C-alpha atoms as a PDB file:
ATOM      1  CA  UNK A   1     119.023-111.370  -1.215  1.00  0.00           C
ATOM      2  CA  UNK A   2     118.589-109.884   2.250  1.00  0.00           C
ATOM      3  CA  UNK A   3     120.783-111.919   4.591  1.00  0.00           C
ATOM      4  CA  UNK A   4     120.056-112.709   8.237  1.00  0.00           C
ATOM      5  CA  UNK A   5     123.447-111.278   9.154  1.00  0.00           C
ATOM      6  CA  UNK A   6     122.319-107.908   7.836  1.00  0.00           C
ATOM      7  CA  UNK A   7     119.417-107.748  10.274  1.00  0.00           C
ATOM      8  CA  UNK A   8     119.706-105.505  13.290  1.00  0.00           C
ATOM      9  CA  UNK A   9     119.179-106.763  16.818  1.00  0.00           C
ATOM     10  CA  UNK A  10     115.695-105.202  16.935  1.00  0.00           C
ATOM     11  CA  UNK A  11     114.747-106.798  13.621  1.00  0.00           C
ATOM     12  CA  UNK A  12     115.834-110.240  14.787  1.00  0.00           C
ATOM     13  CA  UNK A  13     113.970-109.801  18.080  1.00  0.00           C
ATOM     14  CA  UNK A  14     110.821-108.725  16.234  1.00  0.00           C
ATOM     15  CA  UNK A  15     110.929-111.776  13.947  1.00  0.00           C
ATOM     16  CA  UNK A  16     111.500-114.191  16.837  1.00  0.00           C
ATOM     17  CA  UNK A  17     108.639-112.680  18.874  1.00  0.00           C
ATOM     18  CA  UNK A  18     106.301-112.809  15.864  1.00  0.00           C
ATOM     19  CA  UNK A  19     107.048-116.496  15.267  1.00  0.00           C
ATOM     20  CA  UNK A  20     106.694-117.389  18.957  1.00  0.00           C
ATOM     21  CA  UNK A  21     103.366-115.540  19.305  1.00  0.00           C
ATOM     22  CA  UNK A  22     101.952-117.169  16.157  1.00  0.00           C
ATOM     23  CA  UNK A  23     102.975-120.656  17.311  1.00  0.00           C
ATOM     24  CA  UNK A  24     101.629-120.113  20.827  1.00  0.00           C
ATOM     25  CA  UNK A  25      98.295-118.944  19.430  1.00  0.00           C
ATOM     26  CA  UNK A  26      97.966-122.045  17.302  1.00  0.00           C
ATOM     27  CA  UNK A  27      99.175-124.739  19.687  1.00  0.00           C
ATOM     28  CA  UNK A  28      98.104-123.440  23.110  1.00  0.00           C
ATOM     29  CA  UNK A  29      94.855-121.871  21.983  1.00  0.00           C
ATOM     30  CA  UNK A  30      92.149-123.066  19.647  1.00  0.00           C
ATOM     31  CA  UNK A  31      92.876-120.680  16.806  1.00  0.00           C
ATOM     32  CA  UNK A  32      92.563-121.941  13.250  1.00  0.00           C
ATOM     33  CA  UNK A  33      95.424-122.288  10.795  1.00  0.00           C
ATOM     34  CA  UNK A  34      93.764-119.557   8.726  1.00  0.00           C
ATOM     35  CA  UNK A  35      93.821-117.127  11.656  1.00  0.00           C
ATOM     36  CA  UNK A  36      97.443-118.023  12.482  1.00  0.00           C
ATOM     37  CA  UNK A  37      98.438-117.376   8.862  1.00  0.00           C
ATOM     38  CA  UNK A  38      96.546-114.081   8.973  1.00  0.00           C
ATOM     39  CA  UNK A  39      98.509-113.068  12.085  1.00  0.00           C
ATOM     40  CA  UNK A  40     101.777-113.877  10.330  1.00  0.00           C
ATOM     41  CA  UNK A  41     100.734-111.577   7.475  1.00  0.00           C
ATOM     42  CA  UNK A  42      99.954-108.855  10.026  1.00  0.00           C
ATOM     43  CA  UNK A  43     103.409-109.228  11.561  1.00  0.00           C
ATOM     44  CA  UNK A  44     105.016-109.136   8.106  1.00  0.00           C
ATOM     45  CA  UNK A  45     103.163-105.915   7.401  1.00  0.00           C
ATOM     46  CA  UNK A  46     104.338-104.410  10.675  1.00  0.00           C
ATOM     47  CA  UNK A  47     107.895-105.520   9.937  1.00  0.00           C
ATOM     48  CA  UNK A  48     107.755-103.874   6.527  1.00  0.00           C
ATOM     49  CA  UNK A  49     106.464-100.609   7.977  1.00  0.00           C
ATOM     50  CA  UNK A  50     108.956-100.492  10.840  1.00  0.00           C
ATOM     51  CA  UNK A  51     112.129-101.614   9.105  1.00  0.00           C
ATOM     52  CA  UNK A  52     111.841-101.581   5.297  1.00  0.00           C
ATOM     53  CA  UNK A  53     109.398 -98.902   4.122  1.00  0.00           C
ATOM     54  CA  UNK A  54     111.572 -96.070   2.750  1.00  0.00           C
ATOM     55  CA  UNK A  55     109.578 -93.350   4.503  1.00  0.00           C
ATOM     56  CA  UNK A  56     108.088 -94.910   7.625  1.00  0.00           C
ATOM     57  CA  UNK A  57     111.241 -96.775   8.683  1.00  0.00           C
ATOM     58  CA  UNK A  58     113.123 -93.466   8.885  1.00  0.00           C
ATOM     59  CA  UNK A  59     110.373 -91.635  10.768  1.00  0.00           C
ATOM     60  CA  UNK A  60     110.434 -90.731  14.430  1.00  0.00           C
ATOM     61  CA  UNK A  61     109.313 -93.307  16.990  1.00  0.00           C
ATOM     62  CA  UNK A  62     106.144 -91.298  17.652  1.00  0.00           C
ATOM     63  CA  UNK A  63     105.178 -91.327  13.981  1.00  0.00           C
ATOM     64  CA  UNK A  64     106.025 -95.023  13.682  1.00  0.00           C
ATOM     65  CA  UNK A  65     103.800 -95.770  16.665  1.00  0.00           C
ATOM     66  CA  UNK A  66     100.856 -93.878  15.155  1.00  0.00           C
ATOM     67  CA  UNK A  67     101.252 -95.591  11.784  1.00  0.00           C
ATOM     68  CA  UNK A  68     101.538 -99.065  13.308  1.00  0.00           C
ATOM     69  CA  UNK A  69      98.547 -98.360  15.565  1.00  0.00           C
ATOM     70  CA  UNK A  70      96.469 -97.362  12.539  1.00  0.00           C
ATOM     71  CA  UNK A  71      97.629-100.487  10.721  1.00  0.00           C
ATOM     72  CA  UNK A  72      96.593-102.700  13.659  1.00  0.00           C
ATOM     73  CA  UNK A  73      93.157-101.032  13.812  1.00  0.00           C
ATOM     74  CA  UNK A  74      92.635-101.782  10.115  1.00  0.00           C
ATOM     75  CA  UNK A  75      93.699-105.415  10.595  1.00  0.00           C
ATOM     76  CA  UNK A  76      91.350-105.814  13.585  1.00  0.00           C
ATOM     77  CA  UNK A  77      88.533-104.477  11.405  1.00  0.00           C
ATOM     78  CA  UNK A  78      89.324-107.173   8.848  1.00  0.00           C
ATOM     79  CA  UNK A  79      89.224-109.836  11.585  1.00  0.00           C
ATOM     80  CA  UNK A  80      85.815-108.606  12.763  1.00  0.00           C
ATOM     81  CA  UNK A  81      84.584-108.724   9.174  1.00  0.00           C
ATOM     82  CA  UNK A  82      85.805-112.314   8.829  1.00  0.00           C
ATOM     83  CA  UNK A  83      84.019-113.277  12.053  1.00  0.00           C
ATOM     84  CA  UNK A  84      80.769-111.723  10.855  1.00  0.00           C
ATOM     85  CA  UNK A  85      80.993-113.696   7.621  1.00  0.00           C
ATOM     86  CA  UNK A  86      82.067-116.966   9.230  1.00  0.00           C
ATOM     87  CA  UNK A  87      82.913-117.252  12.975  1.00  0.00           C
ATOM     88  CA  UNK A  88      84.598-120.605  12.320  1.00  0.00           C
ATOM     89  CA  UNK A  89      87.403-118.860  10.435  1.00  0.00           C
ATOM     90  CA  UNK A  90      89.020-117.805  13.702  1.00  0.00           C
ATOM     91  CA  UNK A  91      88.867-121.066  15.620  1.00  0.00           C
ATOM     92  CA  UNK A  92      89.554-124.634  14.594  1.00  0.00           C
ATOM     93  CA  UNK A  93      87.030-127.280  15.543  1.00  0.00           C
ATOM     94  CA  UNK A  94      87.763-129.049  18.811  1.00  0.00           C
ATOM     95  CA  UNK A  95      87.328-132.800  19.214  1.00  0.00           C
ATOM     96  CA  UNK A  96      84.108-132.056  21.107  1.00  0.00           C
ATOM     97  CA  UNK A  97      82.701-129.886  18.311  1.00  0.00           C
ATOM     98  CA  UNK A  98      83.494-132.609  15.783  1.00  0.00           C
ATOM     99  CA  UNK A  99      81.773-135.156  18.038  1.00  0.00           C
ATOM    100  CA  UNK A 100      78.578-133.151  18.515  1.00  0.00           C
ATOM    101  CA  UNK A 101      78.256-132.774  14.757  1.00  0.00           C
ATOM    102  CA  UNK A 102      77.593-136.523  14.678  1.00  0.00           C
ATOM    103  CA  UNK A 103      74.528-136.091  16.894  1.00  0.00           C
ATOM    104  CA  UNK A 104      71.049-135.090  15.718  1.00  0.00           C
ATOM    105  CA  UNK A 105      70.437-131.467  16.679  1.00  0.00           C
ATOM    106  CA  UNK A 106      67.197-130.519  18.403  1.00  0.00           C
ATOM    107  CA  UNK A 107      65.879-127.051  17.612  1.00  0.00           C
ATOM    108  CA  UNK A 108      66.648-125.042  20.768  1.00  0.00           C
ATOM    109  CA  UNK A 109      63.902-122.534  19.931  1.00  0.00           C
ATOM    110  CA  UNK A 110      61.175-125.181  19.847  1.00  0.00           C
ATOM    111  CA  UNK A 111      62.383-128.108  21.942  1.00  0.00           C
ATOM    112  CA  UNK A 112      59.071-129.532  23.170  1.00  0.00           C
ATOM    113  CA  UNK A 113      57.480-129.597  19.726  1.00  0.00           C
ATOM    114  CA  UNK A 114      60.615-131.108  18.220  1.00  0.00           C
ATOM    115  CA  UNK A 115      60.591-133.892  20.815  1.00  0.00           C
ATOM    116  CA  UNK A 116      56.854-134.461  20.366  1.00  0.00           C
ATOM    117  CA  UNK A 117      57.202-134.711  16.592  1.00  0.00           C
ATOM    118  CA  UNK A 118      60.028-137.232  16.937  1.00  0.00           C
ATOM    119  CA  UNK A 119      58.851-139.063  20.044  1.00  0.00           C
ATOM    120  CA  UNK A 120      58.957-142.453  18.326  1.00  0.00           C
ATOM    121  CA  UNK A 121      62.572-141.867  17.325  1.00  0.00           C
ATOM    122  CA  UNK A 122      64.083-140.052  20.285  1.00  0.00           C
ATOM    123  CA  UNK A 123      65.594-142.331  22.898  1.00  0.00           C
ATOM    124  CA  UNK A 124      68.637-140.418  24.156  1.00  0.00           C
ATOM    125  CA  UNK A 125      69.069-136.672  24.466  1.00  0.00           C
ATOM    126  CA  UNK A 126      72.451-135.237  25.303  1.00  0.00           C
ATOM    127  CA  UNK A 127      72.226-131.806  26.917  1.00  0.00           C
ATOM    128  CA  UNK A 128      75.609-130.133  26.762  1.00  0.00           C
ATOM    129  CA  UNK A 129      77.745-127.344  25.439  1.00  0.00           C
ATOM    130  CA  UNK A 130      80.641-126.930  23.062  1.00  0.00           C
ATOM    131  CA  UNK A 131      82.457-124.751  25.593  1.00  0.00           C
ATOM    132  CA  UNK A 132      82.155-126.385  29.042  1.00  0.00           C
ATOM    133  CA  UNK A 133      85.276-128.300  30.104  1.00  0.00           C
ATOM    134  CA  UNK A 134      83.586-131.580  31.090  1.00  0.00           C
ATOM    135  CA  UNK A 135      81.498-131.539  27.894  1.00  0.00           C
ATOM    136  CA  UNK A 136      84.708-131.333  25.866  1.00  0.00           C
ATOM    137  CA  UNK A 137      85.801-134.627  27.421  1.00  0.00           C
ATOM    138  CA  UNK A 138      82.374-136.252  27.405  1.00  0.00           C
ATOM    139  CA  UNK A 139      81.295-135.506  23.813  1.00  0.00           C
ATOM    140  CA  UNK A 140      83.908-137.735  22.116  1.00  0.00           C
ATOM    141  CA  UNK A 141      83.262-140.533  24.663  1.00  0.00           C
ATOM    142  CA  UNK A 142      79.524-140.438  23.957  1.00  0.00           C
ATOM    143  CA  UNK A 143      80.164-140.404  20.215  1.00  0.00           C
ATOM    144  CA  UNK A 144      82.259-143.577  20.462  1.00  0.00           C
ATOM    145  CA  UNK A 145      79.813-145.313  22.810  1.00  0.00           C
ATOM    146  CA  UNK A 146      76.885-144.447  20.532  1.00  0.00           C
ATOM    147  CA  UNK A 147      78.731-145.760  17.494  1.00  0.00           C
ATOM    148  CA  UNK A 148      79.590-149.063  19.162  1.00  0.00           C
ATOM    149  CA  UNK A 149      76.027-149.596  20.439  1.00  0.00           C
ATOM    150  CA  UNK A 150      74.359-148.318  17.264  1.00  0.00           C
ATOM    151  CA  UNK A 151      72.524-145.644  19.263  1.00  0.00           C
ATOM    152  CA  UNK A 152      71.193-142.370  17.903  1.00  0.00           C
ATOM    153  CA  UNK A 153      71.955-139.394  20.128  1.00  0.00           C
ATOM    154  CA  UNK A 154      69.908-136.213  19.948  1.00  0.00           C
ATOM    155  CA  UNK A 155      71.681-133.068  21.070  1.00  0.00           C
ATOM    156  CA  UNK A 156      70.607-129.819  22.737  1.00  0.00           C
ATOM    157  CA  UNK A 157      73.257-127.089  22.798  1.00  0.00           C
ATOM    158  CA  UNK A 158      72.867-124.947  25.930  1.00  0.00           C
ATOM    159  CA  UNK A 159      75.133-122.248  24.504  1.00  0.00           C
ATOM    160  CA  UNK A 160      72.140-121.061  22.492  1.00  0.00           C
ATOM    161  CA  UNK A 161      69.933-119.516  25.189  1.00  0.00           C
ATOM    162  CA  UNK A 162      66.206-119.510  24.394  1.00  0.00           C
ATOM    163  CA  UNK A 163      62.942-119.461  26.341  1.00  0.00           C
ATOM    164  CA  UNK A 164      62.262-122.972  25.084  1.00  0.00           C
ATOM    165  CA  UNK A 165      65.613-124.150  26.473  1.00  0.00           C
ATOM    166  CA  UNK A 166      64.976-122.549  29.870  1.00  0.00           C
ATOM    167  CA  UNK A 167      61.557-124.192  30.068  1.00  0.00           C
ATOM    168  CA  UNK A 168      62.946-127.589  29.068  1.00  0.00           C
ATOM    169  CA  UNK A 169      65.754-127.407  31.646  1.00  0.00           C
ATOM    170  CA  UNK A 170      63.239-126.554  34.384  1.00  0.00           C
ATOM    171  CA  UNK A 171      60.821-129.311  33.389  1.00  0.00           C
ATOM    172  CA  UNK A 172      63.593-131.895  33.113  1.00  0.00           C
ATOM    173  CA  UNK A 173      65.154-130.677  36.377  1.00  0.00           C
ATOM    174  CA  UNK A 174      68.587-130.463  34.815  1.00  0.00           C
ATOM    175  CA  UNK A 175      71.049-129.154  37.387  1.00  0.00           C
ATOM    176  CA  UNK A 176      74.354-129.472  35.552  1.00  0.00           C
ATOM    177  CA  UNK A 177      75.774-130.229  32.138  1.00  0.00           C
ATOM    178  CA  UNK A 178      76.655-132.502  30.527  1.00  0.00           C
ATOM    179  CA  UNK A 179      73.529-134.570  31.144  1.00  0.00           C
ATOM    180  CA  UNK A 180      72.199-137.567  29.238  1.00  0.00           C
ATOM    181  CA  UNK A 181      68.426-138.023  29.229  1.00  0.00           C
ATOM    182  CA  UNK A 182      66.544-141.226  28.434  1.00  0.00           C
ATOM    183  CA  UNK A 183      63.182-140.774  26.683  1.00  0.00           C
ATOM    184  CA  UNK A 184      60.401-143.152  25.718  1.00  0.00           C
ATOM    185  CA  UNK A 185      57.459-142.000  23.595  1.00  0.00           C
ATOM    186  CA  UNK A 186      58.327-138.381  24.312  1.00  0.00           C
ATOM    187  CA  UNK A 187      58.445-138.848  28.090  1.00  0.00           C
ATOM    188  CA  UNK A 188      61.543-138.516  30.252  1.00  0.00           C
ATOM    189  CA  UNK A 189      62.404-141.841  31.871  1.00  0.00           C
ATOM    190  CA  UNK A 190      65.816-141.358  33.428  1.00  0.00           C
ATOM    191  CA  UNK A 191      68.633-138.851  33.847  1.00  0.00           C
ATOM    192  CA  UNK A 192      72.311-139.733  33.795  1.00  0.00           C
ATOM    193  CA  UNK A 193      74.596-137.189  35.433  1.00  0.00           C
ATOM    194  CA  UNK A 194      78.062-136.999  33.950  1.00  0.00           C
ATOM    195  CA  UNK A 195      81.444-136.152  35.420  1.00  0.00           C
ATOM    196  CA  UNK A 196      85.024-136.250  34.189  1.00  0.00           C
ATOM    197  CA  UNK A 197      85.399-139.851  35.393  1.00  0.00           C
ATOM    198  CA  UNK A 198      82.577-141.267  33.264  1.00  0.00           C
ATOM    199  CA  UNK A 199      84.070-144.086  31.187  1.00  0.00           C
ATOM    200  CA  UNK A 200      83.226-145.184  27.660  1.00  0.00           C
ATOM    201  CA  UNK A 201      82.508-148.756  28.819  1.00  0.00           C
ATOM    202  CA  UNK A 202      79.972-147.439  31.315  1.00  0.00           C
ATOM    203  CA  UNK A 203      78.303-145.320  28.633  1.00  0.00           C
ATOM    204  CA  UNK A 204      78.121-148.301  26.279  1.00  0.00           C
ATOM    205  CA  UNK A 205      76.456-150.388  28.961  1.00  0.00           C
ATOM    206  CA  UNK A 206      74.045-147.575  29.827  1.00  0.00           C
ATOM    207  CA  UNK A 207      73.015-147.015  26.206  1.00  0.00           C
ATOM    208  CA  UNK A 208      72.591-150.744  25.628  1.00  0.00           C
ATOM    209  CA  UNK A 209      70.427-151.211  28.734  1.00  0.00           C
ATOM    210  CA  UNK A 210      68.165-148.227  28.062  1.00  0.00           C
ATOM    211  CA  UNK A 211      67.290-148.714  24.422  1.00  0.00           C
ATOM    212  CA  UNK A 212      63.529-148.322  24.134  1.00  0.00           C
ATOM    213  CA  UNK A 213      63.143-147.495  20.465  1.00  0.00           C
ATOM    214  CA  UNK A 214      64.624-149.037  17.376  1.00  0.00           C
ATOM    215  CA  UNK A 215      62.879-146.789  14.832  1.00  0.00           C
ATOM    216  CA  UNK A 216      65.322-144.391  13.136  1.00  0.00           C
END
């Protein structure tokens, strides 16, 4: 068995840096456990090439650098392939993303028709984003308020830019996100502007007082 005491100073430093970087990526960023594990495998591969491989480990620093660079390029290509297959592999779902999945999505490519077709059902439309900072705080609050008031929230994601979205934002005179819109029979009745201080109790009261439709 290869003992820790047998490791050189550079080997120990490499291992410590690899562990620290992997942990920082997972806890300070929003990277998934899968991506963190993948990074650990990359570091293990680099460690093997630099310190264990019978040929590479004894090569000159210039040759080592070229080999490691080529290895990193190959690994980056694998990451890009993973992202093409499934972008969610790299990042773990935030609380906001989990919250918005509980809302009913409105087709951002055909917003007006979607609202018209569901005008007897749509009462509240949340216009937000999965990336804006205030939305990340507001989404979970709205989810809880909607659950406690038995309200159905329809959701428009502004991250997906379309002509239909631009037209809807102009017609609804939306200046900022997140915004909560109140509809009745397909017509906009009221707009609630949101900030980081918006409380769940206030949202519950607002949803309760502006319920126009009970048809689900």
